[in-house]
Amino acid sequence: MIAFDVNVFVYAIDRTCEHHAEAREVLEAALGGAETVAVLESTLVSTARIVTHPRLMSSPLRPEEALEFCAAVRGAPAALSTPPMPAAWGHFHDLVMQLGMRGSDLSDVWLTAQATALGARFVTYDRGFWRFPDLDVTILG
């Protein structure tokens, strides 16, 4: 099983990003592939928030365009919408306490906890995910 970070979705959408081609290729291959892609709702919400924000994107999407992207991801052949697993909260709690995490890092901790609870490989451009023990992570770029 694969789970994607928000940055992979954002880069796949943002044609001006240096990682656009790679992110789009990786995402399309996964969503059409044989391995299950865990679609984390928090990742979709964050993606929609970022790509529609005029201060974060030079050419922000209209809300309906962002939601169309999210629907396409959710409807892809390999996609499986995955609500948070019961074990995710325990993983989240343990990581916060063990690593002294706080503030904006908590979003990354939550994604890590969900991927770990699912037994999913987490794909991201953010090298900061190396800090999480037991996370099977692939760093792109």
C-alpha atoms as a PDB file:
ATOM      1  CA  MET A   1       0.000   0.000   0.000  1.00  0.00           C
ATOM      2  CA  ILE A   2       1.143   3.549  -0.811  1.00  0.00           C
ATOM      3  CA  ALA A   3       0.133   6.832   0.837  1.00  0.00           C
ATOM      4  CA  PHE A   4       1.078  10.217  -0.594  1.00  0.00           C
ATOM      5  CA  ASP A   5       2.075  13.422   1.142  1.00  0.00           C
ATOM      6  CA  VAL A   6       0.296  16.667   0.320  1.00  0.00           C
ATOM      7  CA  ASN A   7       3.347  17.977  -1.537  1.00  0.00           C
ATOM      8  CA  VAL A   8       3.124  15.211  -4.158  1.00  0.00           C
ATOM      9  CA  PHE A   9      -0.471  16.204  -4.933  1.00  0.00           C
ATOM     10  CA  VAL A  10       0.329  19.923  -4.975  1.00  0.00           C
ATOM     11  CA  TYR A  11       3.360  19.461  -7.238  1.00  0.00           C
ATOM     12  CA  ALA A  12       1.343  17.233  -9.582  1.00  0.00           C
ATOM     13  CA  ILE A  13      -1.137  20.107  -9.954  1.00  0.00           C
ATOM     14  CA  ASP A  14       1.301  23.050 -10.073  1.00  0.00           C
ATOM     15  CA  ARG A  15       2.769  23.207 -13.583  1.00  0.00           C
ATOM     16  CA  THR A  16       5.249  25.904 -12.480  1.00  0.00           C
ATOM     17  CA  CYS A  17       6.884  23.661  -9.890  1.00  0.00           C
ATOM     18  CA  GLU A  18      10.263  22.110 -10.724  1.00  0.00           C
ATOM     19  CA  HIS A  19       8.943  18.720  -9.527  1.00  0.00           C
ATOM     20  CA  HIS A  20       5.684  18.880 -11.515  1.00  0.00           C
ATOM     21  CA  ALA A  21       6.536  16.300 -14.194  1.00  0.00           C
ATOM     22  CA  GLU A  22       7.936  13.764 -11.742  1.00  0.00           C
ATOM     23  CA  ALA A  23       5.105  14.196  -9.231  1.00  0.00           C
ATOM     24  CA  ARG A  24       2.450  13.856 -11.917  1.00  0.00           C
ATOM     25  CA  GLU A  25       4.129  10.790 -13.403  1.00  0.00           C
ATOM     26  CA  VAL A  26       4.547   9.067 -10.024  1.00  0.00           C
ATOM     27  CA  LEU A  27       0.983   9.868  -8.968  1.00  0.00           C
ATOM     28  CA  GLU A  28      -0.606   8.774 -12.250  1.00  0.00           C
ATOM     29  CA  ALA A  29       1.409   5.539 -12.302  1.00  0.00           C
ATOM     30  CA  ALA A  30       0.399   4.715  -8.736  1.00  0.00           C
ATOM     31  CA  LEU A  31      -3.281   5.550  -9.184  1.00  0.00           C
ATOM     32  CA  GLY A  32      -3.445   3.353 -12.278  1.00  0.00           C
ATOM     33  CA  GLY A  33      -1.208   0.611 -10.901  1.00  0.00           C
ATOM     34  CA  ALA A  34      -1.695  -2.671  -9.097  1.00  0.00           C
ATOM     35  CA  GLU A  35      -0.684  -1.527  -5.599  1.00  0.00           C
ATOM     36  CA  THR A  36      -3.417   0.029  -3.448  1.00  0.00           C
ATOM     37  CA  VAL A  37      -3.135   3.782  -2.895  1.00  0.00           C
ATOM     38  CA  ALA A  38      -4.433   4.820   0.513  1.00  0.00           C
ATOM     39  CA  VAL A  39      -6.282   8.098   0.013  1.00  0.00           C
ATOM     40  CA  LEU A  40      -6.008  10.024   3.265  1.00  0.00           C
ATOM     41  CA  GLU A  41      -8.816  12.559   3.564  1.00  0.00           C
ATOM     42  CA  SER A  42      -6.598  14.970   5.501  1.00  0.00           C
ATOM     43  CA  THR A  43      -4.193  14.989   2.551  1.00  0.00           C
ATOM     44  CA  LEU A  44      -6.975  15.853   0.117  1.00  0.00           C
ATOM     45  CA  VAL A  45      -8.301  18.637   2.354  1.00  0.00           C
ATOM     46  CA  SER A  46      -4.824  20.130   2.734  1.00  0.00           C
ATOM     47  CA  THR A  47      -4.222  19.879  -1.003  1.00  0.00           C
ATOM     48  CA  ALA A  48      -7.464  21.727  -1.761  1.00  0.00           C
ATOM     49  CA  ARG A  49      -6.589  24.377   0.825  1.00  0.00           C
ATOM     50  CA  ILE A  50      -3.155  25.005  -0.681  1.00  0.00           C
ATOM     51  CA  VAL A  51      -3.985  24.931  -4.397  1.00  0.00           C
ATOM     52  CA  THR A  52      -6.902  27.371  -4.016  1.00  0.00           C
ATOM     53  CA  HIS A  53      -4.968  29.854  -1.858  1.00  0.00           C
ATOM     54  CA  PRO A  54      -3.890  32.965  -3.812  1.00  0.00           C
ATOM     55  CA  ARG A  55      -0.929  33.648  -1.517  1.00  0.00           C
ATOM     56  CA  LEU A  56       0.423  30.127  -1.862  1.00  0.00           C
ATOM     57  CA  MET A  57      -0.106  29.564  -5.593  1.00  0.00           C
ATOM     58  CA  SER A  58       0.786  31.898  -8.451  1.00  0.00           C
ATOM     59  CA  SER A  59      -2.230  30.538 -10.356  1.00  0.00           C
ATOM     60  CA  PRO A  60      -4.604  29.153  -7.726  1.00  0.00           C
ATOM     61  CA  LEU A  61      -7.296  26.726  -8.775  1.00  0.00           C
ATOM     62  CA  ARG A  62     -10.957  27.524  -8.451  1.00  0.00           C
ATOM     63  CA  PRO A  63     -12.550  25.444  -5.666  1.00  0.00           C
ATOM     64  CA  GLU A  64     -14.401  23.288  -8.198  1.00  0.00           C
ATOM     65  CA  GLU A  65     -11.109  22.490  -9.962  1.00  0.00           C
ATOM     66  CA  ALA A  66      -9.487  21.456  -6.691  1.00  0.00           C
ATOM     67  CA  LEU A  67     -12.471  19.275  -5.840  1.00  0.00           C
ATOM     68  CA  GLU A  68     -12.348  17.702  -9.320  1.00  0.00           C
ATOM     69  CA  PHE A  69      -8.715  16.757  -8.691  1.00  0.00           C
ATOM     70  CA  CYS A  70      -9.671  15.229  -5.329  1.00  0.00           C
ATOM     71  CA  ALA A  71     -12.548  13.321  -6.943  1.00  0.00           C
ATOM     72  CA  ALA A  72     -10.214  11.998  -9.655  1.00  0.00           C
ATOM     73  CA  VAL A  73      -7.776  10.746  -7.020  1.00  0.00           C
ATOM     74  CA  ARG A  74     -10.562   9.123  -5.008  1.00  0.00           C
ATOM     75  CA  GLY A  75     -12.066   7.518  -8.104  1.00  0.00           C
ATOM     76  CA  ALA A  76      -8.829   6.114  -9.527  1.00  0.00           C
ATOM     77  CA  PRO A  77      -8.605   2.336 -10.021  1.00  0.00           C
ATOM     78  CA  ALA A  78      -5.986   1.779  -7.294  1.00  0.00           C
ATOM     79  CA  ALA A  79      -7.439   4.289  -4.820  1.00  0.00           C
ATOM     80  CA  LEU A  80      -8.918   3.250  -1.509  1.00  0.00           C
ATOM     81  CA  SER A  81     -10.416   5.937   0.728  1.00  0.00           C
ATOM     82  CA  THR A  82      -9.082   5.178   4.162  1.00  0.00           C
ATOM     83  CA  PRO A  83     -10.520   6.712   7.293  1.00  0.00           C
ATOM     84  CA  PRO A  84      -8.026   7.005  10.136  1.00  0.00           C
ATOM     85  CA  MET A  85      -7.247   3.591  11.581  1.00  0.00           C
ATOM     86  CA  PRO A  86      -7.944   3.128  15.302  1.00  0.00           C
ATOM     87  CA  ALA A  87      -4.212   2.591  15.906  1.00  0.00           C
ATOM     88  CA  ALA A  88      -3.335   5.931  14.260  1.00  0.00           C
ATOM     89  CA  TRP A  89      -4.146   7.992  17.347  1.00  0.00           C
ATOM     90  CA  GLY A  90      -1.878   5.844  19.504  1.00  0.00           C
ATOM     91  CA  HIS A  91       0.958   6.210  16.974  1.00  0.00           C
ATOM     92  CA  PHE A  92       0.314   9.959  16.847  1.00  0.00           C
ATOM     93  CA  HIS A  93       0.408  10.270  20.636  1.00  0.00           C
ATOM     94  CA  ASP A  94       3.585   8.213  20.935  1.00  0.00           C
ATOM     95  CA  LEU A  95       5.446  10.163  18.232  1.00  0.00           C
ATOM     96  CA  VAL A  96       4.457  13.534  19.678  1.00  0.00           C
ATOM     97  CA  MET A  97       5.676  12.499  23.116  1.00  0.00           C
ATOM     98  CA  GLN A  98       8.830  10.627  22.008  1.00  0.00           C
ATOM     99  CA  LEU A  99      10.036  13.285  19.577  1.00  0.00           C
ATOM    100  CA  GLY A 100       8.738  16.368  21.385  1.00  0.00           C
ATOM    101  CA  MET A 101       6.746  17.444  18.339  1.00  0.00           C
ATOM    102  CA  ARG A 102       4.587  20.566  18.313  1.00  0.00           C
ATOM    103  CA  GLY A 103       3.074  23.249  16.119  1.00  0.00           C
ATOM    104  CA  SER A 104       3.136  22.783  12.368  1.00  0.00           C
ATOM    105  CA  ASP A 105       5.050  19.488  12.720  1.00  0.00           C
ATOM    106  CA  LEU A 106       1.896  17.857  14.077  1.00  0.00           C
ATOM    107  CA  SER A 107       0.401  17.599  10.583  1.00  0.00           C
ATOM    108  CA  ASP A 108       3.408  15.529   9.509  1.00  0.00           C
ATOM    109  CA  VAL A 109       3.121  13.420  12.653  1.00  0.00           C
ATOM    110  CA  TRP A 110      -0.541  12.724  11.858  1.00  0.00           C
ATOM    111  CA  LEU A 111       0.237  11.652   8.282  1.00  0.00           C
ATOM    112  CA  THR A 112       3.051   9.459   9.598  1.00  0.00           C
ATOM    113  CA  ALA A 113       0.750   7.868  12.174  1.00  0.00           C
ATOM    114  CA  GLN A 114      -1.885   7.117   9.547  1.00  0.00           C
ATOM    115  CA  ALA A 115       0.609   5.620   7.086  1.00  0.00           C
ATOM    116  CA  THR A 116       2.214   3.528   9.822  1.00  0.00           C
ATOM    117  CA  ALA A 117      -1.160   2.252  11.065  1.00  0.00           C
ATOM    118  CA  LEU A 118      -2.037   1.229   7.499  1.00  0.00           C
ATOM    119  CA  GLY A 119       1.345  -0.383   6.880  1.00  0.00           C
ATOM    120  CA  ALA A 120       1.699   1.937   3.885  1.00  0.00           C
ATOM    121  CA  ARG A 121       4.823   3.252   2.216  1.00  0.00           C
ATOM    122  CA  PHE A 122       4.725   7.051   2.465  1.00  0.00           C
ATOM    123  CA  VAL A 123       5.809   9.008  -0.623  1.00  0.00           C
ATOM    124  CA  THR A 124       6.891  12.631  -0.213  1.00  0.00           C
ATOM    125  CA  TYR A 125       9.332  15.330  -1.267  1.00  0.00           C
ATOM    126  CA  ASP A 126       9.911  16.322   2.357  1.00  0.00           C
ATOM    127  CA  ARG A 127      13.182  14.936   3.714  1.00  0.00           C
ATOM    128  CA  GLY A 128      11.959  15.758   7.218  1.00  0.00           C
ATOM    129  CA  PHE A 129       9.994  12.502   7.241  1.00  0.00           C
ATOM    130  CA  TRP A 130      13.255  10.585   7.761  1.00  0.00           C
ATOM    131  CA  ARG A 131      13.036  11.604  11.432  1.00  0.00           C
ATOM    132  CA  PHE A 132      10.068   9.321  12.079  1.00  0.00           C
ATOM    133  CA  PRO A 133      11.040   5.839  13.264  1.00  0.00           C
ATOM    134  CA  ASP A 134       9.201   2.905  11.726  1.00  0.00           C
ATOM    135  CA  LEU A 135       7.915   4.965   8.763  1.00  0.00           C
ATOM    136  CA  ASP A 136       8.543   3.304   5.408  1.00  0.00           C
ATOM    137  CA  VAL A 137       9.253   6.483   3.439  1.00  0.00           C
ATOM    138  CA  THR A 138      10.248   7.189  -0.155  1.00  0.00           C
ATOM    139  CA  ILE A 139      11.693  10.652  -0.738  1.00  0.00           C
ATOM    140  CA  LEU A 140      11.227  11.920  -4.293  1.00  0.00           C
ATOM    141  CA  GLY A 141      13.264  14.578  -6.067  1.00  0.00           C
END
